[in-house]
Amino acid sequence: MTPLYIHPAPMLVYVQEGKLKHSRGENINYFSAGESFIESNTGSPHYVESVGKKPAVLFVFASSAIGLPTTINK
């Protein structure tokens, strides 16, 4: 499980393998291999956790600027 964090730039996340649990407050979503989702830069803090039988493998594409971090721990 990751620590609680936010994104300063929007991101596209693609789940290559495994299953991912995405938790933002009371809102919990699950994403499996072959699925993708957009992570907004205006969202509240959240965390993700690999919950499948195999470790989750993600491809993450950030629409950002040079020098801007991809995540900020909260």
C-alpha atoms as a PDB file:
ATOM      1  CA  MET A   1       0.000   0.000   0.000  1.00  0.00           C
ATOM      2  CA  THR A   2       1.225   3.483  -0.795  1.00  0.00           C
ATOM      3  CA  PRO A   3       1.143   6.369   1.657  1.00  0.00           C
ATOM      4  CA  LEU A   4      -1.659   8.944   1.322  1.00  0.00           C
ATOM      5  CA  TYR A   5      -0.779  11.339  -1.526  1.00  0.00           C
ATOM      6  CA  ILE A   6      -2.017  13.775  -4.187  1.00  0.00           C
ATOM      7  CA  HIS A   7      -0.934  14.561  -7.754  1.00  0.00           C
ATOM      8  CA  PRO A   8       0.029  18.106  -8.811  1.00  0.00           C
ATOM      9  CA  ALA A   9      -0.583  17.161 -12.481  1.00  0.00           C
ATOM     10  CA  PRO A  10      -3.173  14.953 -14.214  1.00  0.00           C
ATOM     11  CA  MET A  11      -2.186  11.335 -14.890  1.00  0.00           C
ATOM     12  CA  LEU A  12      -3.354   8.425 -17.009  1.00  0.00           C
ATOM     13  CA  VAL A  13      -2.891   5.051 -15.279  1.00  0.00           C
ATOM     14  CA  TYR A  14      -2.994   1.735 -17.153  1.00  0.00           C
ATOM     15  CA  VAL A  15      -3.030  -1.562 -15.213  1.00  0.00           C
ATOM     16  CA  GLN A  16      -0.813  -3.990 -17.151  1.00  0.00           C
ATOM     17  CA  GLU A  17      -1.041  -6.886 -14.650  1.00  0.00           C
ATOM     18  CA  GLY A  18      -2.744  -7.689 -11.352  1.00  0.00           C
ATOM     19  CA  LYS A  19      -5.528  -5.838  -9.569  1.00  0.00           C
ATOM     20  CA  LEU A  20      -5.388  -2.382  -8.002  1.00  0.00           C
ATOM     21  CA  LYS A  21      -7.503  -0.955  -5.177  1.00  0.00           C
ATOM     22  CA  HIS A  22      -7.818   2.848  -5.352  1.00  0.00           C
ATOM     23  CA  SER A  23      -9.123   4.519  -2.160  1.00  0.00           C
ATOM     24  CA  ARG A  24     -10.115   8.178  -1.822  1.00  0.00           C
ATOM     25  CA  GLY A  25     -11.954   8.710   1.446  1.00  0.00           C
ATOM     26  CA  GLU A  26     -15.040   6.477   1.417  1.00  0.00           C
ATOM     27  CA  ASN A  27     -14.823   6.022  -2.377  1.00  0.00           C
ATOM     28  CA  ILE A  28     -13.084   2.735  -3.308  1.00  0.00           C
ATOM     29  CA  ASN A  29     -12.544   1.537  -6.890  1.00  0.00           C
ATOM     30  CA  TYR A  30     -10.902  -1.612  -8.242  1.00  0.00           C
ATOM     31  CA  PHE A  31      -9.036  -1.790 -11.548  1.00  0.00           C
ATOM     32  CA  SER A  32      -7.878  -5.020 -13.199  1.00  0.00           C
ATOM     33  CA  ALA A  33      -5.366  -5.817 -15.940  1.00  0.00           C
ATOM     34  CA  GLY A  34      -6.320  -4.100 -19.182  1.00  0.00           C
ATOM     35  CA  GLU A  35      -8.202  -1.246 -17.493  1.00  0.00           C
ATOM     36  CA  SER A  36      -7.151   2.381 -17.199  1.00  0.00           C
ATOM     37  CA  PHE A  37      -8.268   5.508 -15.383  1.00  0.00           C
ATOM     38  CA  ILE A  38      -7.549   9.228 -15.199  1.00  0.00           C
ATOM     39  CA  GLU A  39      -6.172  10.629 -11.955  1.00  0.00           C
ATOM     40  CA  SER A  40      -7.038  14.310 -11.603  1.00  0.00           C
ATOM     41  CA  ASN A  41      -4.699  16.918 -10.209  1.00  0.00           C
ATOM     42  CA  THR A  42      -7.655  18.498  -8.373  1.00  0.00           C
ATOM     43  CA  GLY A  43      -8.575  15.384  -6.380  1.00  0.00           C
ATOM     44  CA  SER A  44      -8.277  14.860  -2.667  1.00  0.00           C
ATOM     45  CA  PRO A  45      -5.575  12.670  -1.071  1.00  0.00           C
ATOM     46  CA  HIS A  46      -5.776   8.969  -1.901  1.00  0.00           C
ATOM     47  CA  TYR A  47      -3.767   5.748  -1.849  1.00  0.00           C
ATOM     48  CA  VAL A  48      -3.482   2.599  -3.945  1.00  0.00           C
ATOM     49  CA  GLU A  49      -2.849  -1.026  -3.040  1.00  0.00           C
ATOM     50  CA  SER A  50      -2.083  -4.149  -5.072  1.00  0.00           C
ATOM     51  CA  VAL A  51      -4.798  -6.664  -4.113  1.00  0.00           C
ATOM     52  CA  GLY A  52      -4.558  -9.351  -6.778  1.00  0.00           C
ATOM     53  CA  LYS A  53      -2.845 -12.737  -6.759  1.00  0.00           C
ATOM     54  CA  LYS A  54       0.006 -11.185  -8.772  1.00  0.00           C
ATOM     55  CA  PRO A  55       1.625  -7.809  -8.022  1.00  0.00           C
ATOM     56  CA  ALA A  56       0.009  -4.916  -9.864  1.00  0.00           C
ATOM     57  CA  VAL A  57       2.104  -3.554 -12.716  1.00  0.00           C
ATOM     58  CA  LEU A  58       1.126  -0.037 -13.806  1.00  0.00           C
ATOM     59  CA  PHE A  59       2.068   2.296 -16.617  1.00  0.00           C
ATOM     60  CA  VAL A  60       1.594   5.897 -15.493  1.00  0.00           C
ATOM     61  CA  PHE A  61       1.635   8.826 -17.912  1.00  0.00           C
ATOM     62  CA  ALA A  62       1.861  12.315 -16.395  1.00  0.00           C
ATOM     63  CA  SER A  63       0.881  15.541 -18.131  1.00  0.00           C
ATOM     64  CA  SER A  64       3.251  17.726 -16.198  1.00  0.00           C
ATOM     65  CA  ALA A  65       6.045  20.293 -16.350  1.00  0.00           C
ATOM     66  CA  ILE A  66       9.778  19.857 -15.868  1.00  0.00           C
ATOM     67  CA  GLY A  67      10.619  19.962 -12.170  1.00  0.00           C
ATOM     68  CA  LEU A  68       7.076  19.292 -10.933  1.00  0.00           C
ATOM     69  CA  PRO A  69       6.854  16.127  -8.791  1.00  0.00           C
ATOM     70  CA  THR A  70       4.438  13.376  -9.831  1.00  0.00           C
ATOM     71  CA  THR A  71       3.188  12.802  -6.273  1.00  0.00           C
ATOM     72  CA  ILE A  72       3.150  14.690  -2.982  1.00  0.00           C
ATOM     73  CA  ASN A  73       2.730  12.697   0.233  1.00  0.00           C
ATOM     74  CA  LYS A  74       0.107  14.017   2.661  1.00  0.00           C
END
